[in-house]
Amino acid sequence: MIIKKIFNNNAIIAKDSGKDELVVMGRGIGFKKSPGDPVDVSLIEKTFVLKRNDASEKFKALMADAPAEYVALSYDIIEYAKQTLKARLSDYIYVTLTDHLTHALRLHEQGIRNHNPLLWEIQRCYPREYAIGHHAMGMIEQYTRIRLPEDEAGNIALHLINAQMNSSGNKIADLTRQTQQIDDILNIVKYSYNNEIDEHTVSYERFITHLRYFFQRSRKQESEESVDDFLLKQVRMKYRKAHHCVLKIEKYLDLKLLDEEILYLTIHIQRVTQRQTE
């Protein structure tokens, strides 16, 4: 492994025998070294490859400004998120999360709070990502001895959600709009049944997951598999209240839902409200 670029004493870009570029981190790994020197593998603590060239170039530019310890912190948070979510995250998360944490910690030093107006909605709509964000707060405090405000757990969650949804094309602004839409849909269900939804059930988590993928499919104009007309009619008759709720959601979204989407939404709403119905 050969050094290609040195950012500081603890962070470099290296090339391996397979010609891949790697971000390599370790205490003193770049100390008194020059491009072209071999990497002292005994000093390596963290390595990762950015396969997308545009993400790699943006990360290199970021490394010139971000403290190496913040890059290492972001890496550890991302690795924890991957293991917890068991999901592939876009390479852009290394850029966006590192940049966000660097900015958030600098704002904190200046006494400025980065308020997240969607914190409550994120907790409801993305409980797994929010839990990771909350765990990350402890990791940040352990690294920096700084306890950031609770809003940051929501901000980190948004970056993780965005990284699962597709990468560079999806802006955080789009994501916050989707979060608000999911929250509105939950409220439609809540007021249709005149009761609270139990947010600590498997049915609730599956409903939220379905809504998230529904917005992705509608954005890409994709549909699920076709459904049998008889099955749809049976579900409409058996779960009239849930079906009526779906029609309200259709009106709110100002979108003509496909039959299969009506079917699945009806079933999900029936399941998530079953205890209240009974």
Protein backbone atom coordinates (compact mmCIF):
# COMPACT_ATOMS: atom_id res chain seq x y z
CA MET A 1 0.00 0.00 0.00
CA ILE A 2 1.48 3.31 -1.14
CA ILE A 3 0.76 6.83 0.16
CA LYS A 4 -0.88 9.02 -2.48
CA LYS A 5 -1.87 12.10 -0.44
CA ILE A 6 -1.26 13.24 3.14
CA PHE A 7 -3.90 15.30 4.95
CA ASN A 8 -2.24 15.40 8.35
CA ASN A 9 -0.25 13.18 10.70
CA ASN A 10 -3.23 10.89 11.24
CA ALA A 11 -5.01 10.69 7.86
CA ILE A 12 -3.86 9.87 4.33
CA ILE A 13 -5.10 8.65 0.97
CA ALA A 14 -3.37 5.45 -0.13
CA LYS A 15 -3.46 3.06 -3.10
CA ASP A 16 -3.46 -0.69 -2.64
CA SER A 17 -2.23 -3.37 -5.04
CA GLY A 18 -5.66 -3.49 -6.65
CA LYS A 19 -5.34 0.23 -7.53
CA ASP A 20 -8.19 1.16 -5.19
CA GLU A 21 -7.94 4.48 -3.37
CA LEU A 22 -8.44 4.13 0.38
CA VAL A 23 -8.86 6.60 3.18
CA VAL A 24 -6.42 5.36 5.82
CA MET A 25 -6.39 6.63 9.38
CA GLY A 26 -4.11 5.95 12.33
CA ARG A 27 -2.12 7.88 14.88
CA GLY A 28 1.09 9.13 13.24
CA ILE A 29 0.46 7.33 9.95
CA GLY A 30 1.34 10.44 7.93
CA PHE A 31 4.07 11.77 10.24
CA LYS A 32 7.31 12.57 8.36
CA LYS A 33 5.98 10.75 5.30
CA SER A 34 5.73 11.79 1.64
CA PRO A 35 3.54 10.71 -1.29
CA GLY A 36 5.01 7.55 -2.77
CA ASP A 37 6.20 6.15 0.57
CA PRO A 38 4.87 2.77 1.70
CA VAL A 39 2.17 2.82 4.38
CA ASP A 40 3.20 1.56 7.79
CA VAL A 41 0.43 -1.05 8.16
CA SER A 42 1.12 -1.43 11.88
CA LEU A 43 -0.28 2.10 12.39
CA ILE A 44 -3.56 1.53 10.50
CA GLU A 45 -6.65 1.92 12.69
CA LYS A 46 -9.38 2.54 10.08
CA THR A 47 -9.63 2.15 6.30
CA PHE A 48 -12.52 2.62 3.89
CA VAL A 49 -12.99 2.88 0.16
CA LEU A 50 -15.20 5.45 -1.56
CA LYS A 51 -16.19 3.70 -4.79
CA ARG A 52 -18.05 6.64 -6.30
CA ASN A 53 -15.56 9.06 -7.83
CA ASP A 54 -17.65 12.16 -7.13
CA ALA A 55 -18.06 11.17 -3.47
CA SER A 56 -14.33 10.45 -3.26
CA GLU A 57 -13.37 13.85 -4.64
CA LYS A 58 -15.76 15.67 -2.30
CA PHE A 59 -14.41 13.71 0.65
CA LYS A 60 -10.83 14.64 -0.23
CA ALA A 61 -11.79 18.32 -0.31
CA LEU A 62 -13.57 17.93 3.03
CA MET A 63 -10.55 16.22 4.62
CA ALA A 64 -8.48 19.32 3.99
CA ASP A 65 -10.77 21.25 6.36
CA ALA A 66 -12.28 18.72 8.79
CA PRO A 67 -10.25 17.62 11.86
CA ALA A 68 -9.13 14.00 11.52
CA GLU A 69 -10.84 13.07 14.81
CA TYR A 70 -14.20 14.20 13.39
CA VAL A 71 -13.64 12.02 10.32
CA ALA A 72 -12.86 9.06 12.59
CA LEU A 73 -15.94 9.83 14.67
CA SER A 74 -18.18 9.89 11.58
CA TYR A 75 -16.67 6.61 10.41
CA ASP A 76 -17.48 4.91 13.72
CA ILE A 77 -21.05 6.23 13.69
CA ILE A 78 -21.55 5.02 10.10
CA GLU A 79 -20.16 1.57 10.91
CA TYR A 80 -22.47 1.32 13.92
CA ALA A 81 -25.42 2.39 11.72
CA LYS A 82 -24.60 -0.22 9.06
CA GLN A 83 -24.47 -3.00 11.62
CA THR A 84 -27.67 -1.87 13.34
CA LEU A 85 -29.75 -1.18 10.23
CA LYS A 86 -28.26 -4.06 8.23
CA ALA A 87 -28.58 -1.80 5.21
CA ARG A 88 -26.29 -0.48 2.52
CA LEU A 89 -25.56 3.22 2.90
CA SER A 90 -24.50 5.49 0.07
CA ASP A 91 -20.84 6.54 -0.04
CA TYR A 92 -22.07 10.11 0.28
CA ILE A 93 -22.81 9.52 3.97
CA TYR A 94 -19.06 9.78 4.67
CA VAL A 95 -19.10 13.25 3.11
CA THR A 96 -22.41 14.54 4.42
CA LEU A 97 -22.18 13.25 7.99
CA THR A 98 -18.55 14.33 8.45
CA ASP A 99 -19.39 17.78 7.11
CA HIS A 100 -22.48 18.00 9.32
CA LEU A 101 -20.69 16.95 12.53
CA THR A 102 -17.83 19.35 11.86
CA HIS A 103 -20.32 22.19 11.35
CA ALA A 104 -22.47 21.20 14.35
CA LEU A 105 -19.50 21.05 16.73
CA ARG A 106 -18.21 24.41 15.51
CA LEU A 107 -21.65 25.97 16.01
CA HIS A 108 -21.76 24.53 19.52
CA GLU A 109 -18.41 26.14 20.31
CA GLN A 110 -19.92 29.47 19.22
CA GLY A 111 -22.95 28.93 21.45
CA ILE A 112 -25.32 28.47 18.48
CA ARG A 113 -27.97 25.74 18.61
CA ASN A 114 -28.87 23.98 15.35
CA HIS A 115 -32.62 23.55 15.94
CA ASN A 116 -34.45 20.67 14.24
CA PRO A 117 -38.16 21.53 13.82
CA LEU A 118 -38.98 17.93 12.77
CA LEU A 119 -37.45 16.20 15.79
CA TRP A 120 -40.75 14.79 17.05
CA GLU A 121 -41.80 13.62 13.58
CA ILE A 122 -38.44 11.89 13.06
CA GLN A 123 -38.84 10.08 16.38
CA ARG A 124 -42.26 8.82 15.25
CA CYS A 125 -41.54 8.05 11.59
CA TYR A 126 -37.96 6.78 11.79
CA PRO A 127 -37.52 5.25 15.26
CA ARG A 128 -34.56 3.03 14.29
CA GLU A 129 -32.57 5.83 12.69
CA TYR A 130 -33.43 8.16 15.58
CA ALA A 131 -32.21 5.54 18.08
CA ILE A 132 -28.90 5.38 16.18
CA GLY A 133 -28.72 9.18 16.21
CA HIS A 134 -29.29 9.13 19.97
CA HIS A 135 -26.56 6.51 20.40
CA ALA A 136 -24.27 8.66 18.24
CA MET A 137 -24.73 11.51 20.72
CA GLY A 138 -22.98 9.39 23.33
CA MET A 139 -20.20 8.53 20.87
CA ILE A 140 -19.72 12.23 20.11
CA GLU A 141 -19.54 13.03 23.82
CA GLN A 142 -17.01 10.25 24.37
CA TYR A 143 -14.82 11.54 21.52
CA THR A 144 -15.10 15.28 22.17
CA ARG A 145 -16.45 15.66 25.76
CA ILE A 146 -19.19 17.79 24.17
CA ARG A 147 -22.87 16.93 24.71
CA LEU A 148 -24.77 18.28 21.73
CA PRO A 149 -28.50 19.15 22.08
CA GLU A 150 -31.10 16.46 21.37
CA ASP A 151 -31.88 18.05 17.99
CA GLU A 152 -28.65 16.53 16.68
CA ALA A 153 -29.97 12.99 17.17
CA GLY A 154 -32.70 13.91 14.65
CA ASN A 155 -30.21 15.59 12.31
CA ILE A 156 -27.97 12.51 12.27
CA ALA A 157 -31.04 10.32 11.68
CA LEU A 158 -31.95 12.40 8.61
CA HIS A 159 -28.50 11.81 7.12
CA LEU A 160 -28.83 8.07 7.69
CA ILE A 161 -32.30 7.95 6.13
CA ASN A 162 -31.09 9.94 3.15
CA ALA A 163 -28.12 7.58 2.69
CA GLN A 164 -30.49 4.60 2.49
CA MET A 165 -32.84 6.24 0.00
CA ASN A 166 -30.52 6.80 -2.91
CA SER A 167 -27.54 9.09 -2.42
CA SER A 168 -26.77 12.37 -4.11
CA GLY A 169 -30.08 12.94 -5.87
CA ASN A 170 -32.07 13.10 -2.66
CA LYS A 171 -31.75 16.34 -0.77
CA ILE A 172 -32.36 16.61 2.96
CA ALA A 173 -35.12 19.07 2.08
CA ASP A 174 -36.93 16.33 0.13
CA LEU A 175 -36.52 14.02 3.08
CA THR A 176 -37.96 16.47 5.58
CA ARG A 177 -40.96 16.92 3.28
CA GLN A 178 -41.45 13.15 3.17
CA THR A 179 -41.14 12.98 6.96
CA GLN A 180 -43.87 15.60 7.28
CA GLN A 181 -46.08 13.67 4.84
CA ILE A 182 -45.67 10.45 6.82
CA ASP A 183 -46.53 12.30 10.02
CA ASP A 184 -49.64 13.76 8.35
CA ILE A 185 -50.71 10.30 7.20
CA LEU A 186 -50.30 8.98 10.74
CA ASN A 187 -52.51 11.81 11.96
CA ILE A 188 -55.15 10.98 9.34
CA VAL A 189 -55.23 7.41 10.67
CA LYS A 190 -55.25 8.63 14.27
CA TYR A 191 -58.19 11.01 13.77
CA SER A 192 -60.10 8.59 11.54
CA TYR A 193 -60.10 6.08 14.38
CA ASN A 194 -60.29 8.75 17.09
CA ASN A 195 -57.53 6.99 18.98
CA GLU A 196 -53.76 6.93 19.43
CA ILE A 197 -51.61 4.51 17.44
CA ASP A 198 -49.37 2.17 19.41
CA GLU A 199 -45.95 3.09 18.05
CA HIS A 200 -44.18 0.21 19.78
CA THR A 201 -45.54 -2.63 17.67
CA VAL A 202 -44.23 -4.60 14.71
CA SER A 203 -47.31 -3.56 12.72
CA TYR A 204 -46.45 0.11 13.23
CA GLU A 205 -42.85 -0.41 12.11
CA ARG A 206 -44.01 -2.29 9.01
CA PHE A 207 -46.53 0.46 8.20
CA ILE A 208 -43.83 3.13 8.42
CA THR A 209 -41.47 1.04 6.27
CA HIS A 210 -44.20 0.60 3.68
CA LEU A 211 -44.86 4.35 3.56
CA ARG A 212 -41.17 5.09 3.10
CA TYR A 213 -40.91 2.72 0.14
CA PHE A 214 -44.23 3.96 -1.19
CA PHE A 215 -42.77 7.46 -1.54
CA GLN A 216 -39.71 6.05 -3.27
CA ARG A 217 -41.84 4.08 -5.72
CA SER A 218 -44.11 7.04 -6.45
CA ARG A 219 -41.07 9.26 -7.08
CA LYS A 220 -39.63 6.70 -9.52
CA GLN A 221 -43.13 5.93 -10.90
CA GLU A 222 -42.68 2.28 -10.01
CA SER A 223 -45.46 -0.02 -8.90
CA GLU A 224 -45.65 -3.23 -6.92
CA GLU A 225 -46.98 -6.46 -8.42
CA SER A 226 -50.57 -6.39 -9.70
CA VAL A 227 -53.29 -7.70 -7.42
CA ASP A 228 -56.39 -9.75 -8.01
CA ASP A 229 -59.58 -7.66 -8.30
CA PHE A 230 -61.51 -10.16 -6.19
CA LEU A 231 -58.93 -9.89 -3.39
CA LEU A 232 -59.11 -6.09 -3.47
CA LYS A 233 -62.93 -6.16 -3.31
CA GLN A 234 -62.83 -8.58 -0.37
CA VAL A 235 -60.38 -6.37 1.54
CA ARG A 236 -62.50 -3.27 0.84
CA MET A 237 -65.60 -4.99 2.20
CA LYS A 238 -63.92 -6.61 5.20
CA TYR A 239 -61.95 -3.54 6.27
CA ARG A 240 -64.31 -0.72 5.33
CA LYS A 241 -63.01 1.74 7.89
CA ALA A 242 -59.38 1.16 6.92
CA HIS A 243 -60.28 1.51 3.24
CA HIS A 244 -62.13 4.76 3.90
CA CYS A 245 -59.01 5.99 5.68
CA VAL A 246 -56.92 5.15 2.59
CA LEU A 247 -59.27 7.27 0.48
CA LYS A 248 -58.62 10.19 2.84
CA ILE A 249 -54.88 9.64 2.41
CA GLU A 250 -55.31 9.56 -1.37
CA LYS A 251 -57.12 12.89 -1.22
CA TYR A 252 -54.45 14.39 1.04
CA LEU A 253 -51.64 13.29 -1.28
CA ASP A 254 -53.59 14.54 -4.31
CA LEU A 255 -52.44 11.38 -6.04
CA LYS A 256 -54.34 8.59 -7.79
CA LEU A 257 -53.28 5.45 -5.96
CA LEU A 258 -52.90 2.18 -7.84
CA ASP A 259 -55.11 -0.72 -6.77
CA GLU A 260 -52.19 -2.64 -5.26
CA GLU A 261 -51.21 0.39 -3.19
CA ILE A 262 -54.78 0.76 -1.94
CA LEU A 263 -54.78 -2.93 -1.01
CA TYR A 264 -51.52 -2.83 0.95
CA LEU A 265 -52.27 0.46 2.68
CA THR A 266 -55.68 -0.84 3.73
CA ILE A 267 -54.14 -3.98 5.22
CA HIS A 268 -51.40 -2.04 6.99
CA ILE A 269 -53.90 0.42 8.48
CA GLN A 270 -56.14 -2.43 9.60
CA ARG A 271 -53.21 -4.12 11.34
CA VAL A 272 -51.85 -0.97 12.97
CA THR A 273 -55.30 -0.07 14.32
CA GLN A 274 -56.53 -3.58 15.08
CA ARG A 275 -56.30 -3.27 18.85
CA GLN A 276 -58.24 0.02 18.80
CA THR A 277 -60.84 -1.49 16.45
CA GLU A 278 -61.32 -4.51 18.69
